[in-house]
């Protein structure tokens, strides 16, 4: 049966064994230095210039004309059981040309 425990990683286990045997140097992790270095990549060089701001404005501008919506008055209908009432209401909402 296959090992369903996916919490272990073969590469990590192999690295741990190699470090304990002295075949590989122990890795040094400096989170503060890595964080400071990552800040350099958080903003593209072009975004630090006016050209970047212009490109962002062009990329995010509306490409369609926006119109004001018309207010809609809520309508209520009393149930009558007459299908003609429904047809009349539908024609009021969406009149035929």
PDB file of N, CA and C in Angstrom:
ATOM      1  N   UNK A   1       0.844  -1.177   0.000  1.00  0.00           N
ATOM      2  CA  UNK A   1       0.000   0.000   0.000  1.00  0.00           C
ATOM      3  C   UNK A   1       0.889   1.240   0.000  1.00  0.00           C
ATOM      4  N   UNK A   2       0.477   2.249  -0.696  1.00  0.00           N
ATOM      5  CA  UNK A   2       1.255   3.487  -0.808  1.00  0.00           C
ATOM      6  C   UNK A   2       1.231   4.253   0.510  1.00  0.00           C
ATOM      7  N   UNK A   3       2.311   4.964   0.768  1.00  0.00           N
ATOM      8  CA  UNK A   3       2.396   5.795   1.968  1.00  0.00           C
ATOM      9  C   UNK A   3       1.594   7.068   1.723  1.00  0.00           C
ATOM     10  N   UNK A   4       0.540   7.251   2.468  1.00  0.00           N
ATOM     11  CA  UNK A   4      -0.335   8.404   2.271  1.00  0.00           C
ATOM     12  C   UNK A   4       0.081   9.604   3.101  1.00  0.00           C
ATOM     13  N   UNK A   5       1.164   9.484   3.858  1.00  0.00           N
ATOM     14  CA  UNK A   5       1.643  10.596   4.677  1.00  0.00           C
ATOM     15  C   UNK A   5       2.412  11.564   3.783  1.00  0.00           C
ATOM     16  N   UNK A   6       1.777  12.674   3.436  1.00  0.00           N
ATOM     17  CA  UNK A   6       2.413  13.649   2.538  1.00  0.00           C
ATOM     18  C   UNK A   6       3.091  14.769   3.305  1.00  0.00           C
ATOM     19  N   UNK A   7       3.162  14.639   4.626  1.00  0.00           N
ATOM     20  CA  UNK A   7       3.770  15.709   5.414  1.00  0.00           C
ATOM     21  C   UNK A   7       5.293  15.686   5.334  1.00  0.00           C
ATOM     22  N   UNK A   8       5.871  14.573   4.889  1.00  0.00           N
ATOM     23  CA  UNK A   8       7.328  14.506   4.747  1.00  0.00           C
ATOM     24  C   UNK A   8       7.701  14.682   3.290  1.00  0.00           C
ATOM     25  N   UNK A   9       8.870  15.230   3.076  1.00  0.00           N
ATOM     26  CA  UNK A   9       9.349  15.513   1.736  1.00  0.00           C
ATOM     27  C   UNK A   9      10.676  14.786   1.556  1.00  0.00           C
ATOM     28  N   UNK A  10      10.807  14.006   0.485  1.00  0.00           N
ATOM     29  CA  UNK A  10      12.016  13.221   0.265  1.00  0.00           C
ATOM     30  C   UNK A  10      13.246  14.114   0.191  1.00  0.00           C
ATOM     31  N   UNK A  11      13.153  15.223  -0.527  1.00  0.00           N
ATOM     32  CA  UNK A  11      14.312  16.117  -0.664  1.00  0.00           C
ATOM     33  C   UNK A  11      14.735  16.689   0.684  1.00  0.00           C
ATOM     34  N   UNK A  12      13.761  17.042   1.503  1.00  0.00           N
ATOM     35  CA  UNK A  12      14.084  17.589   2.822  1.00  0.00           C
ATOM     36  C   UNK A  12      14.747  16.533   3.692  1.00  0.00           C
ATOM     37  N   UNK A  13      14.244  15.305   3.635  1.00  0.00           N
ATOM     38  CA  UNK A  13      14.852  14.218   4.409  1.00  0.00           C
ATOM     39  C   UNK A  13      16.271  13.942   3.926  1.00  0.00           C
ATOM     40  N   UNK A  14      16.469  13.932   2.619  1.00  0.00           N
ATOM     41  CA  UNK A  14      17.797  13.679   2.053  1.00  0.00           C
ATOM     42  C   UNK A  14      18.776  14.779   2.471  1.00  0.00           C
ATOM     43  N   UNK A  15      18.338  16.024   2.433  1.00  0.00           N
ATOM     44  CA  UNK A  15      19.185  17.138   2.837  1.00  0.00           C
ATOM     45  C   UNK A  15      19.545  17.030   4.313  1.00  0.00           C
ATOM     46  N   UNK A  16      18.569  16.659   5.139  1.00  0.00           N
ATOM     47  CA  UNK A  16      18.818  16.505   6.571  1.00  0.00           C
ATOM     48  C   UNK A  16      19.870  15.418   6.818  1.00  0.00           C
ATOM     49  N   UNK A  17      19.768  14.313   6.092  1.00  0.00           N
ATOM     50  CA  UNK A  17      20.748  13.231   6.247  1.00  0.00           C
ATOM     51  C   UNK A  17      22.131  13.675   5.780  1.00  0.00           C
ATOM     52  N   UNK A  18      22.184  14.380   4.651  1.00  0.00           N
ATOM     53  CA  UNK A  18      23.475  14.838   4.123  1.00  0.00           C
ATOM     54  C   UNK A  18      24.139  15.827   5.076  1.00  0.00           C
ATOM     55  N   UNK A  19      23.358  16.687   5.709  1.00  0.00           N
ATOM     56  CA  UNK A  19      23.914  17.645   6.666  1.00  0.00           C
ATOM     57  C   UNK A  19      24.444  16.909   7.892  1.00  0.00           C
ATOM     58  N   UNK A  20      23.680  15.918   8.362  1.00  0.00           N
ATOM     59  CA  UNK A  20      24.130  15.184   9.555  1.00  0.00           C
ATOM     60  C   UNK A  20      25.391  14.372   9.269  1.00  0.00           C
ATOM     61  N   UNK A  21      25.587  13.913   8.033  1.00  0.00           N
ATOM     62  CA  UNK A  21      26.794  13.169   7.653  1.00  0.00           C
ATOM     63  C   UNK A  21      27.958  14.107   7.362  1.00  0.00           C
ATOM     64  N   UNK A  22      27.666  15.392   7.233  1.00  0.00           N
ATOM     65  CA  UNK A  22      28.714  16.353   6.917  1.00  0.00           C
ATOM     66  C   UNK A  22      28.994  16.475   5.432  1.00  0.00           C
ATOM     67  N   UNK A  23      28.152  15.888   4.606  1.00  0.00           N
ATOM     68  CA  UNK A  23      28.335  15.945   3.152  1.00  0.00           C
ATOM     69  C   UNK A  23      27.869  17.289   2.582  1.00  0.00           C
ATOM     70  N   UNK A  24      27.000  17.948   3.297  1.00  0.00           N
ATOM     71  CA  UNK A  24      26.465  19.236   2.852  1.00  0.00           C
ATOM     72  C   UNK A  24      26.526  20.207   4.022  1.00  0.00           C
ATOM     73  N   UNK A  25      26.841  21.467   3.691  1.00  0.00           N
ATOM     74  CA  UNK A  25      26.883  22.489   4.737  1.00  0.00           C
ATOM     75  C   UNK A  25      25.462  22.843   5.160  1.00  0.00           C
ATOM     76  N   UNK A  26      25.328  23.172   6.432  1.00  0.00           N
ATOM     77  CA  UNK A  26      24.031  23.588   6.941  1.00  0.00           C
ATOM     78  C   UNK A  26      23.673  24.942   6.330  1.00  0.00           C
ATOM     79  N   UNK A  27      22.437  25.033   5.888  1.00  0.00           N
ATOM     80  CA  UNK A  27      21.980  26.263   5.249  1.00  0.00           C
ATOM     81  C   UNK A  27      21.742  27.336   6.296  1.00  0.00           C
ATOM     82  N   UNK A  28      22.121  28.561   5.959  1.00  0.00           N
ATOM     83  CA  UNK A  28      21.877  29.691   6.850  1.00  0.00           C
ATOM     84  C   UNK A  28      20.703  30.487   6.294  1.00  0.00           C
ATOM     85  N   UNK A  29      19.759  30.765   7.146  1.00  0.00           N
ATOM     86  CA  UNK A  29      18.584  31.529   6.744  1.00  0.00           C
ATOM     87  C   UNK A  29      18.574  32.827   7.532  1.00  0.00           C
ATOM     88  N   UNK A  30      18.563  33.937   6.802  1.00  0.00           N
ATOM     89  CA  UNK A  30      18.510  35.251   7.436  1.00  0.00           C
ATOM     90  C   UNK A  30      17.225  35.928   6.968  1.00  0.00           C
ATOM     91  N   UNK A  31      16.185  35.780   7.761  1.00  0.00           N
ATOM     92  CA  UNK A  31      14.878  36.298   7.357  1.00  0.00           C
ATOM     93  C   UNK A  31      14.872  37.807   7.170  1.00  0.00           C
ATOM     94  N   UNK A  32      15.564  38.522   8.025  1.00  0.00           N
ATOM     95  CA  UNK A  32      15.584  39.985   7.907  1.00  0.00           C
ATOM     96  C   UNK A  32      16.237  40.423   6.599  1.00  0.00           C
ATOM     97  N   UNK A  33      17.360  39.792   6.259  1.00  0.00           N
ATOM     98  CA  UNK A  33      18.047  40.142   5.013  1.00  0.00           C
ATOM     99  C   UNK A  33      17.200  39.758   3.806  1.00  0.00           C
ATOM    100  N   UNK A  34      16.553  38.588   3.875  1.00  0.00           N
ATOM    101  CA  UNK A  34      15.694  38.164   2.771  1.00  0.00           C
ATOM    102  C   UNK A  34      14.513  39.113   2.603  1.00  0.00           C
ATOM    103  N   UNK A  35      13.966  39.571   3.717  1.00  0.00           N
ATOM    104  CA  UNK A  35      12.839  40.499   3.649  1.00  0.00           C
ATOM    105  C   UNK A  35      13.266  41.823   3.022  1.00  0.00           C
ATOM    106  N   UNK A  36      14.407  42.339   3.456  1.00  0.00           N
ATOM    107  CA  UNK A  36      14.905  43.597   2.895  1.00  0.00           C
ATOM    108  C   UNK A  36      15.181  43.438   1.402  1.00  0.00           C
ATOM    109  N   UNK A  37      15.729  42.303   1.008  1.00  0.00           N
ATOM    110  CA  UNK A  37      16.008  42.054  -0.402  1.00  0.00           C
ATOM    111  C   UNK A  37      14.710  41.945  -1.204  1.00  0.00           C
ATOM    112  N   UNK A  38      13.689  41.352  -0.602  1.00  0.00           N
ATOM    113  CA  UNK A  38      12.424  41.192  -1.323  1.00  0.00           C
ATOM    114  C   UNK A  38      11.756  42.533  -1.609  1.00  0.00           C
ATOM    115  N   UNK A  39      12.037  43.543  -0.799  1.00  0.00           N
ATOM    116  CA  UNK A  39      11.452  44.867  -1.026  1.00  0.00           C
ATOM    117  C   UNK A  39      11.893  45.452  -2.361  1.00  0.00           C
ATOM    118  N   UNK A  40      13.094  45.089  -2.804  1.00  0.00           N
ATOM    119  CA  UNK A  40      13.579  45.598  -4.088  1.00  0.00           C
ATOM    120  C   UNK A  40      12.729  45.088  -5.241  1.00  0.00           C
ATOM    121  N   UNK A  41      12.135  43.903  -5.070  1.00  0.00           N
ATOM    122  CA  UNK A  41      11.360  43.300  -6.146  1.00  0.00           C
ATOM    123  C   UNK A  41       9.871  43.576  -6.027  1.00  0.00           C
ATOM    124  N   UNK A  42       9.453  44.260  -4.975  1.00  0.00           N
ATOM    125  CA  UNK A  42       8.030  44.471  -4.775  1.00  0.00           C
ATOM    126  C   UNK A  42       7.457  45.514  -5.731  1.00  0.00           C
ATOM    127  N   UNK A  43       8.281  46.402  -6.253  1.00  0.00           N
ATOM    128  CA  UNK A  43       7.826  47.421  -7.196  1.00  0.00           C
ATOM    129  C   UNK A  43       8.756  47.400  -8.405  1.00  0.00           C
ATOM    130  N   UNK A  44       8.162  47.297  -9.583  1.00  0.00           N
ATOM    131  CA  UNK A  44       8.949  47.285 -10.809  1.00  0.00           C
ATOM    132  C   UNK A  44       9.585  48.657 -11.032  1.00  0.00           C
ATOM    133  N   UNK A  45      10.713  48.666 -11.707  1.00  0.00           N
ATOM    134  CA  UNK A  45      11.423  49.924 -11.975  1.00  0.00           C
ATOM    135  C   UNK A  45      10.549  50.904 -12.752  1.00  0.00           C
ATOM    136  N   UNK A  46       9.782  50.389 -13.720  1.00  0.00           N
ATOM    137  CA  UNK A  46       8.951  51.280 -14.534  1.00  0.00           C
ATOM    138  C   UNK A  46       7.872  51.948 -13.679  1.00  0.00           C
ATOM    139  N   UNK A  47       7.438  51.261 -12.617  1.00  0.00           N
ATOM    140  CA  UNK A  47       6.404  51.837 -11.761  1.00  0.00           C
ATOM    141  C   UNK A  47       6.925  52.963 -10.888  1.00  0.00           C
ATOM    142  N   UNK A  48       8.215  53.124 -10.821  1.00  0.00           N
ATOM    143  CA  UNK A  48       8.805  54.207 -10.040  1.00  0.00           C
ATOM    144  C   UNK A  48       8.937  55.484 -10.860  1.00  0.00           C
ATOM    145  N   UNK A  49       8.531  55.450 -12.130  1.00  0.00           N
ATOM    146  CA  UNK A  49       8.662  56.599 -13.024  1.00  0.00           C
ATOM    147  C   UNK A  49       7.281  57.090 -13.450  1.00  0.00           C
ATOM    148  N   UNK A  50       7.276  58.238 -14.137  1.00  0.00           N
ATOM    149  CA  UNK A  50       6.020  58.763 -14.671  1.00  0.00           C
ATOM    150  C   UNK A  50       5.458  57.850 -15.747  1.00  0.00           C
ATOM    151  N   UNK A  51       6.340  57.177 -16.490  1.00  0.00           N
ATOM    152  CA  UNK A  51       5.879  56.270 -17.542  1.00  0.00           C
ATOM    153  C   UNK A  51       5.060  55.136 -16.939  1.00  0.00           C
ATOM    154  N   UNK A  52       5.455  54.675 -15.767  1.00  0.00           N
ATOM    155  CA  UNK A  52       4.703  53.617 -15.098  1.00  0.00           C
ATOM    156  C   UNK A  52       3.328  54.085 -14.683  1.00  0.00           C
ATOM    157  N   UNK A  53       3.240  55.303 -14.193  1.00  0.00           N
ATOM    158  CA  UNK A  53       1.948  55.858 -13.793  1.00  0.00           C
ATOM    159  C   UNK A  53       1.039  56.029 -15.006  1.00  0.00           C
ATOM    160  N   UNK A  54       1.618  56.480 -16.118  1.00  0.00           N
ATOM    161  CA  UNK A  54       0.832  56.640 -17.344  1.00  0.00           C
ATOM    162  C   UNK A  54       0.356  55.288 -17.858  1.00  0.00           C
ATOM    163  N   UNK A  55       1.231  54.291 -17.829  1.00  0.00           N
ATOM    164  CA  UNK A  55       0.851  52.957 -18.295  1.00  0.00           C
ATOM    165  C   UNK A  55      -0.257  52.375 -17.421  1.00  0.00           C
ATOM    166  N   UNK A  56      -0.175  52.604 -16.124  1.00  0.00           N
ATOM    167  CA  UNK A  56      -1.215  52.111 -15.216  1.00  0.00           C
ATOM    168  C   UNK A  56      -2.541  52.804 -15.492  1.00  0.00           C
ATOM    169  N   UNK A  57      -2.496  54.104 -15.763  1.00  0.00           N
ATOM    170  CA  UNK A  57      -3.726  54.846 -16.053  1.00  0.00           C
ATOM    171  C   UNK A  57      -4.374  54.341 -17.336  1.00  0.00           C
ATOM    172  N   UNK A  58      -3.562  54.086 -18.358  1.00  0.00           N
ATOM    173  CA  UNK A  58      -4.093  53.583 -19.627  1.00  0.00           C
ATOM    174  C   UNK A  58      -4.672  52.186 -19.444  1.00  0.00           C
ATOM    175  N   UNK A  59      -3.983  51.351 -18.673  1.00  0.00           N
ATOM    176  CA  UNK A  59      -4.426  49.971 -18.492  1.00  0.00           C
ATOM    177  C   UNK A  59      -5.714  49.875 -17.686  1.00  0.00           C
ATOM    178  N   UNK A  60      -5.967  50.840 -16.826  1.00  0.00           N
ATOM    179  CA  UNK A  60      -7.138  50.748 -15.952  1.00  0.00           C
ATOM    180  C   UNK A  60      -8.264  51.701 -16.317  1.00  0.00           C
ATOM    181  N   UNK A  61      -8.118  52.452 -17.412  1.00  0.00           N
ATOM    182  CA  UNK A  61      -9.176  53.397 -17.776  1.00  0.00           C
ATOM    183  C   UNK A  61     -10.394  52.646 -18.307  1.00  0.00           C
ATOM    184  N   UNK A  62     -11.555  53.273 -18.165  1.00  0.00           N
ATOM    185  CA  UNK A  62     -12.790  52.680 -18.667  1.00  0.00           C
ATOM    186  C   UNK A  62     -12.771  52.672 -20.178  1.00  0.00           C
ATOM    187  N   UNK A  63     -13.124  51.549 -20.748  1.00  0.00           N
ATOM    188  CA  UNK A  63     -13.158  51.420 -22.195  1.00  0.00           C
ATOM    189  C   UNK A  63     -14.588  51.541 -22.729  1.00  0.00           C
ATOM    190  N   UNK A  64     -15.549  51.643 -21.816  1.00  0.00           N
ATOM    191  CA  UNK A  64     -16.947  51.740 -22.200  1.00  0.00           C
ATOM    192  C   UNK A  64     -17.550  53.006 -21.596  1.00  0.00           C
ATOM    193  N   UNK A  65     -18.527  53.543 -22.290  1.00  0.00           N
ATOM    194  CA  UNK A  65     -19.202  54.736 -21.791  1.00  0.00           C
ATOM    195  C   UNK A  65     -20.129  54.342 -20.646  1.00  0.00           C
ATOM    196  N   UNK A  66     -20.017  55.052 -19.558  1.00  0.00           N
ATOM    197  CA  UNK A  66     -20.877  54.786 -18.415  1.00  0.00           C
ATOM    198  C   UNK A  66     -22.055  55.750 -18.444  1.00  0.00           C
ATOM    199  N   UNK A  67     -23.227  55.224 -18.245  1.00  0.00           N
ATOM    200  CA  UNK A  67     -24.423  56.059 -18.245  1.00  0.00           C
ATOM    201  C   UNK A  67     -25.044  56.034 -16.854  1.00  0.00           C
ATOM    202  N   UNK A  68     -25.801  57.071 -16.576  1.00  0.00           N
ATOM    203  CA  UNK A  68     -26.508  57.140 -15.303  1.00  0.00           C
ATOM    204  C   UNK A  68     -27.684  56.168 -15.350  1.00  0.00           C
ATOM    205  N   UNK A  69     -27.897  55.479 -14.284  1.00  0.00           N
ATOM    206  CA  UNK A  69     -29.043  54.576 -14.236  1.00  0.00           C
ATOM    207  C   UNK A  69     -30.298  55.382 -13.920  1.00  0.00           C
ATOM    208  N   UNK A  70     -31.391  54.928 -14.442  1.00  0.00           N
ATOM    209  CA  UNK A  70     -32.668  55.597 -14.225  1.00  0.00           C
ATOM    210  C   UNK A  70     -33.318  55.012 -12.976  1.00  0.00           C
ATOM    211  N   UNK A  71     -33.856  55.860 -12.129  1.00  0.00           N
ATOM    212  CA  UNK A  71     -34.521  55.321 -10.935  1.00  0.00           C
ATOM    213  C   UNK A  71     -35.753  54.511 -11.331  1.00  0.00           C
ATOM    214  N   UNK A  72     -35.965  53.444 -10.631  1.00  0.00           N
ATOM    215  CA  UNK A  72     -37.100  52.570 -10.909  1.00  0.00           C
ATOM    216  C   UNK A  72     -38.056  52.642  -9.728  1.00  0.00           C
ATOM    217  N   UNK A  73     -39.292  52.884 -10.050  1.00  0.00           N
ATOM    218  CA  UNK A  73     -40.311  52.929  -9.007  1.00  0.00           C
ATOM    219  C   UNK A  73     -40.782  51.503  -8.729  1.00  0.00           C
ATOM    220  N   UNK A  74     -40.742  51.095  -7.473  1.00  0.00           N
ATOM    221  CA  UNK A  74     -41.222  49.746  -7.171  1.00  0.00           C
ATOM    222  C   UNK A  74     -42.710  49.643  -7.459  1.00  0.00           C
ATOM    223  N   UNK A  75     -43.085  48.527  -8.000  1.00  0.00           N
ATOM    224  CA  UNK A  75     -44.485  48.303  -8.320  1.00  0.00           C
ATOM    225  C   UNK A  75     -44.974  47.103  -7.530  1.00  0.00           C
ATOM    226  N   UNK A  76     -46.189  47.150  -7.184  1.00  0.00           N
ATOM    227  CA  UNK A  76     -46.774  46.003  -6.499  1.00  0.00           C
ATOM    228  C   UNK A  76     -48.011  45.580  -7.279  1.00  0.00           C
ATOM    229  N   UNK A  77     -48.266  44.320  -7.235  1.00  0.00           N
ATOM    230  CA  UNK A  77     -49.431  43.795  -7.941  1.00  0.00           C
ATOM    231  C   UNK A  77     -50.213  42.912  -6.985  1.00  0.00           C
ATOM    232  N   UNK A  78     -51.485  43.129  -6.997  1.00  0.00           N
ATOM    233  CA  UNK A  78     -52.354  42.294  -6.172  1.00  0.00           C
ATOM    234  C   UNK A  78     -52.627  41.001  -6.933  1.00  0.00           C
ATOM    235  N   UNK A  79     -52.526  39.891  -6.261  1.00  0.00           N
ATOM    236  CA  UNK A  79     -52.805  38.627  -6.956  1.00  0.00           C
ATOM    237  C   UNK A  79     -54.285  38.534  -7.330  1.00  0.00           C
ATOM    238  N   UNK A  80     -54.532  38.364  -8.620  1.00  0.00           N
ATOM    239  CA  UNK A  80     -55.918  38.268  -9.090  1.00  0.00           C
ATOM    240  C   UNK A  80     -56.209  36.905  -9.695  1.00  0.00           C
ATOM    241  N   UNK A  81     -55.159  36.202 -10.109  1.00  0.00           N
ATOM    242  CA  UNK A  81     -55.368  34.919 -10.754  1.00  0.00           C
ATOM    243  C   UNK A  81     -55.695  35.061 -12.231  1.00  0.00           C
ATOM    244  N   UNK A  82     -55.672  36.285 -12.744  1.00  0.00           N
ATOM    245  CA  UNK A  82     -55.995  36.529 -14.145  1.00  0.00           C
ATOM    246  C   UNK A  82     -54.694  36.696 -14.931  1.00  0.00           C
ATOM    247  N   UNK A  83     -54.412  35.811 -15.905  1.00  0.00           N
ATOM    248  CA  UNK A  83     -53.172  35.918 -16.689  1.00  0.00           C
ATOM    249  C   UNK A  83     -53.073  37.211 -17.493  1.00  0.00           C
ATOM    250  N   UNK A  84     -54.188  37.821 -17.822  1.00  0.00           N
ATOM    251  CA  UNK A  84     -54.172  39.069 -18.578  1.00  0.00           C
ATOM    252  C   UNK A  84     -53.510  40.184 -17.770  1.00  0.00           C
ATOM    253  N   UNK A  85     -53.650  40.149 -16.455  1.00  0.00           N
ATOM    254  CA  UNK A  85     -53.005  41.153 -15.606  1.00  0.00           C
ATOM    255  C   UNK A  85     -51.480  41.049 -15.714  1.00  0.00           C
ATOM    256  N   UNK A  86     -50.989  39.816 -15.764  1.00  0.00           N
ATOM    257  CA  UNK A  86     -49.550  39.617 -15.901  1.00  0.00           C
ATOM    258  C   UNK A  86     -49.076  40.145 -17.251  1.00  0.00           C
ATOM    259  N   UNK A  87     -49.787  39.844 -18.315  1.00  0.00           N
ATOM    260  CA  UNK A  87     -49.402  40.326 -19.645  1.00  0.00           C
ATOM    261  C   UNK A  87     -49.412  41.850 -19.698  1.00  0.00           C
ATOM    262  N   UNK A  88     -50.397  42.465 -19.081  1.00  0.00           N
ATOM    263  CA  UNK A  88     -50.470  43.928 -19.049  1.00  0.00           C
ATOM    264  C   UNK A  88     -49.257  44.507 -18.322  1.00  0.00           C
ATOM    265  N   UNK A  89     -48.909  43.917 -17.175  1.00  0.00           N
ATOM    266  CA  UNK A  89     -47.756  44.390 -16.412  1.00  0.00           C
ATOM    267  C   UNK A  89     -46.464  44.206 -17.221  1.00  0.00           C
ATOM    268  N   UNK A  90     -46.327  43.072 -17.900  1.00  0.00           N
ATOM    269  CA  UNK A  90     -45.129  42.816 -18.695  1.00  0.00           C
ATOM    270  C   UNK A  90     -44.999  43.834 -19.820  1.00  0.00           C
ATOM    271  N   UNK A  91     -46.104  44.216 -20.440  1.00  0.00           N
ATOM    272  CA  UNK A  91     -46.064  45.210 -21.513  1.00  0.00           C
ATOM    273  C   UNK A  91     -45.716  46.597 -20.980  1.00  0.00           C
ATOM    274  N   UNK A  92     -46.110  46.891 -19.742  1.00  0.00           N
ATOM    275  CA  UNK A  92     -45.751  48.175 -19.140  1.00  0.00           C
ATOM    276  C   UNK A  92     -44.251  48.241 -18.854  1.00  0.00           C
ATOM    277  N   UNK A  93     -43.710  47.125 -18.433  1.00  0.00           N
ATOM    278  CA  UNK A  93     -42.281  47.085 -18.103  1.00  0.00           C
ATOM    279  C   UNK A  93     -41.428  47.090 -19.363  1.00  0.00           C
ATOM    280  N   UNK A  94     -41.830  46.309 -20.353  1.00  0.00           N
ATOM    281  CA  UNK A  94     -41.042  46.171 -21.573  1.00  0.00           C
ATOM    282  C   UNK A  94     -41.966  46.323 -22.779  1.00  0.00           C
ATOM    283  N   UNK A  95     -42.300  47.566 -23.141  1.00  0.00           N
ATOM    284  CA  UNK A  95     -43.234  47.764 -24.256  1.00  0.00           C
ATOM    285  C   UNK A  95     -42.613  47.332 -25.582  1.00  0.00           C
ATOM    286  N   UNK A  96     -43.462  46.813 -26.447  1.00  0.00           N
ATOM    287  CA  UNK A  96     -43.008  46.418 -27.785  1.00  0.00           C
ATOM    288  C   UNK A  96     -42.783  47.664 -28.631  1.00  0.00           C
ATOM    289  N   UNK A  97     -41.819  47.603 -29.542  1.00  0.00           N
ATOM    290  CA  UNK A  97     -41.552  48.787 -30.397  1.00  0.00           C
ATOM    291  C   UNK A  97     -42.663  49.065 -31.374  1.00  0.00           C
TER     292      UNK A  97
END
